[in-house]
N, C-alpha and C. Protein backbone atom coordinates (compact mmCIF):
# COMPACT_ATOMS: atom_id res chain seq x y z
N MET A 1 -20.45 26.84 57.50
CA MET A 1 -20.57 25.52 56.93
C MET A 1 -19.18 24.91 56.82
N SER A 2 -19.07 23.69 57.24
CA SER A 2 -17.78 23.00 57.23
C SER A 2 -17.69 22.06 56.04
N LYS A 3 -16.49 21.89 55.55
CA LYS A 3 -16.26 20.94 54.48
C LYS A 3 -15.91 19.60 55.09
N ALA A 4 -16.12 18.55 54.33
CA ALA A 4 -15.87 17.20 54.84
C ALA A 4 -14.40 17.01 55.22
N ILE A 5 -13.51 17.64 54.48
CA ILE A 5 -12.07 17.52 54.78
C ILE A 5 -11.77 18.08 56.17
N GLU A 6 -12.39 19.21 56.50
CA GLU A 6 -12.19 19.82 57.81
C GLU A 6 -12.80 18.96 58.91
N LEU A 7 -13.94 18.35 58.61
CA LEU A 7 -14.62 17.52 59.61
C LEU A 7 -13.83 16.24 59.91
N ARG A 8 -13.15 15.71 58.92
CA ARG A 8 -12.39 14.48 59.12
C ARG A 8 -11.22 14.68 60.08
N GLU A 9 -10.77 15.91 60.22
CA GLU A 9 -9.66 16.21 61.13
C GLU A 9 -10.09 16.21 62.59
N LEU A 10 -11.39 16.38 62.85
CA LEU A 10 -11.89 16.43 64.22
C LEU A 10 -12.08 15.03 64.78
N ASP A 11 -12.07 14.92 66.10
CA ASP A 11 -12.31 13.62 66.72
C ASP A 11 -13.81 13.36 66.86
N SER A 12 -14.15 12.13 67.20
CA SER A 12 -15.55 11.72 67.25
C SER A 12 -16.35 12.50 68.30
N ASP A 13 -15.72 12.80 69.43
CA ASP A 13 -16.44 13.53 70.48
C ASP A 13 -16.84 14.92 70.02
N ALA A 14 -15.94 15.60 69.33
CA ALA A 14 -16.24 16.93 68.82
C ALA A 14 -17.36 16.87 67.78
N LEU A 15 -17.32 15.84 66.95
CA LEU A 15 -18.37 15.68 65.94
C LEU A 15 -19.72 15.39 66.58
N GLN A 16 -19.72 14.55 67.62
CA GLN A 16 -20.96 14.24 68.32
C GLN A 16 -21.57 15.48 68.96
N SER A 17 -20.72 16.32 69.55
CA SER A 17 -21.23 17.54 70.17
C SER A 17 -21.79 18.49 69.11
N ARG A 18 -21.15 18.53 67.94
CA ARG A 18 -21.66 19.38 66.85
C ARG A 18 -23.01 18.86 66.33
N VAL A 19 -23.18 17.54 66.30
CA VAL A 19 -24.45 16.95 65.89
C VAL A 19 -25.55 17.38 66.85
N LYS A 20 -25.25 17.35 68.13
CA LYS A 20 -26.24 17.75 69.13
C LYS A 20 -26.61 19.22 68.98
N GLU A 21 -25.59 20.07 68.75
CA GLU A 21 -25.85 21.50 68.55
C GLU A 21 -26.72 21.74 67.32
N LEU A 22 -26.43 21.04 66.24
CA LEU A 22 -27.20 21.23 65.02
C LEU A 22 -28.64 20.74 65.17
N ASP A 23 -28.82 19.65 65.91
CA ASP A 23 -30.18 19.16 66.16
C ASP A 23 -31.00 20.21 66.91
N GLU A 24 -30.40 20.79 67.93
CA GLU A 24 -31.10 21.83 68.70
C GLU A 24 -31.37 23.06 67.85
N GLU A 25 -30.39 23.44 67.03
CA GLU A 25 -30.54 24.60 66.16
C GLU A 25 -31.66 24.37 65.13
N LEU A 26 -31.70 23.17 64.55
CA LEU A 26 -32.75 22.85 63.59
C LEU A 26 -34.13 22.89 64.25
N PHE A 27 -34.21 22.39 65.47
CA PHE A 27 -35.48 22.42 66.19
C PHE A 27 -35.96 23.86 66.37
N ARG A 28 -35.04 24.73 66.81
CA ARG A 28 -35.41 26.13 67.01
C ARG A 28 -35.82 26.81 65.70
N MET A 29 -35.11 26.48 64.62
CA MET A 29 -35.44 27.08 63.33
C MET A 29 -36.81 26.60 62.82
N ARG A 30 -37.14 25.32 63.05
CA ARG A 30 -38.45 24.82 62.61
C ARG A 30 -39.57 25.49 63.39
N ILE A 31 -39.35 25.74 64.68
CA ILE A 31 -40.35 26.43 65.49
C ILE A 31 -40.54 27.86 64.97
N LYS A 32 -39.43 28.55 64.72
CA LYS A 32 -39.51 29.92 64.20
C LYS A 32 -40.20 29.95 62.85
N LYS A 33 -39.93 28.96 62.01
CA LYS A 33 -40.56 28.92 60.69
C LYS A 33 -42.06 28.74 60.81
N SER A 34 -42.49 27.89 61.73
CA SER A 34 -43.92 27.66 61.89
C SER A 34 -44.63 28.90 62.41
N MET A 35 -43.92 29.74 63.15
CA MET A 35 -44.50 30.98 63.66
C MET A 35 -44.34 32.14 62.69
N GLY A 36 -43.60 31.91 61.61
CA GLY A 36 -43.39 32.96 60.63
C GLY A 36 -42.32 33.94 61.02
N GLN A 37 -41.44 33.58 61.95
CA GLN A 37 -40.40 34.48 62.43
C GLN A 37 -39.04 34.22 61.81
N LEU A 38 -38.91 33.14 61.06
CA LEU A 38 -37.63 32.81 60.44
C LEU A 38 -37.44 33.70 59.22
N GLU A 39 -36.36 34.47 59.24
CA GLU A 39 -36.12 35.43 58.16
C GLU A 39 -35.62 34.76 56.89
N THR A 40 -34.68 33.84 57.03
CA THR A 40 -34.11 33.19 55.85
C THR A 40 -34.29 31.68 55.98
N SER A 41 -35.13 31.13 55.13
CA SER A 41 -35.43 29.71 55.23
C SER A 41 -34.31 28.82 54.71
N HIS A 42 -33.34 29.38 53.99
CA HIS A 42 -32.24 28.55 53.50
C HIS A 42 -31.31 28.10 54.62
N GLN A 43 -31.43 28.71 55.79
CA GLN A 43 -30.61 28.30 56.93
C GLN A 43 -30.93 26.86 57.34
N ILE A 44 -32.19 26.48 57.22
CA ILE A 44 -32.59 25.12 57.56
C ILE A 44 -31.91 24.13 56.63
N ARG A 45 -31.92 24.46 55.35
CA ARG A 45 -31.30 23.58 54.36
C ARG A 45 -29.80 23.43 54.62
N ASN A 46 -29.14 24.54 54.91
CA ASN A 46 -27.71 24.50 55.17
C ASN A 46 -27.39 23.68 56.42
N ALA A 47 -28.19 23.83 57.46
CA ALA A 47 -27.96 23.08 58.70
C ALA A 47 -28.17 21.58 58.47
N ARG A 48 -29.19 21.24 57.69
CA ARG A 48 -29.44 19.82 57.41
C ARG A 48 -28.30 19.21 56.61
N ARG A 49 -27.75 19.98 55.67
CA ARG A 49 -26.63 19.47 54.87
C ARG A 49 -25.39 19.28 55.72
N GLU A 50 -25.13 20.23 56.61
CA GLU A 50 -23.95 20.09 57.48
C GLU A 50 -24.12 18.90 58.42
N LEU A 51 -25.34 18.71 58.92
CA LEU A 51 -25.62 17.56 59.78
C LEU A 51 -25.37 16.25 59.03
N ALA A 52 -25.78 16.19 57.77
CA ALA A 52 -25.56 14.99 56.96
C ALA A 52 -24.07 14.76 56.72
N ARG A 53 -23.32 15.83 56.50
CA ARG A 53 -21.87 15.70 56.31
C ARG A 53 -21.21 15.11 57.55
N ILE A 54 -21.60 15.63 58.71
CA ILE A 54 -21.01 15.17 59.96
C ILE A 54 -21.36 13.70 60.20
N GLN A 55 -22.60 13.33 59.95
CA GLN A 55 -23.01 11.95 60.16
C GLN A 55 -22.27 11.00 59.20
N THR A 56 -22.01 11.47 57.99
CA THR A 56 -21.25 10.67 57.03
C THR A 56 -19.83 10.44 57.52
N VAL A 57 -19.20 11.50 58.03
CA VAL A 57 -17.83 11.37 58.54
C VAL A 57 -17.80 10.45 59.76
N LEU A 58 -18.80 10.55 60.61
CA LEU A 58 -18.87 9.65 61.78
C LEU A 58 -18.99 8.19 61.36
N LYS A 59 -19.78 7.92 60.34
CA LYS A 59 -19.91 6.55 59.85
C LYS A 59 -18.60 6.06 59.23
N GLU A 60 -17.89 6.96 58.54
CA GLU A 60 -16.60 6.59 57.98
C GLU A 60 -15.60 6.23 59.08
N LYS A 61 -15.63 6.99 60.17
CA LYS A 61 -14.70 6.73 61.27
C LYS A 61 -15.06 5.44 62.02
N ALA A 62 -16.34 5.05 61.98
CA ALA A 62 -16.76 3.85 62.69
C ALA A 62 -16.27 2.59 61.99
N LYS A 63 -15.96 2.69 60.72
CA LYS A 63 -15.51 1.50 59.97
C LYS A 63 -14.12 1.10 60.32
């Protein structure tokens, strides 16, 4: 999990690629959860929070 301070140091392209990775990861985790194969459900929560942090930093950079 990254902190917002660390994310602000990255450029927009790196952040966009991380957003794409997290979207794919969340999709895979939701599929596993529906099949009952996801061992720790808190991973979904952590991924969603990191995705929100990245999107917030991207919006800050757009201003």
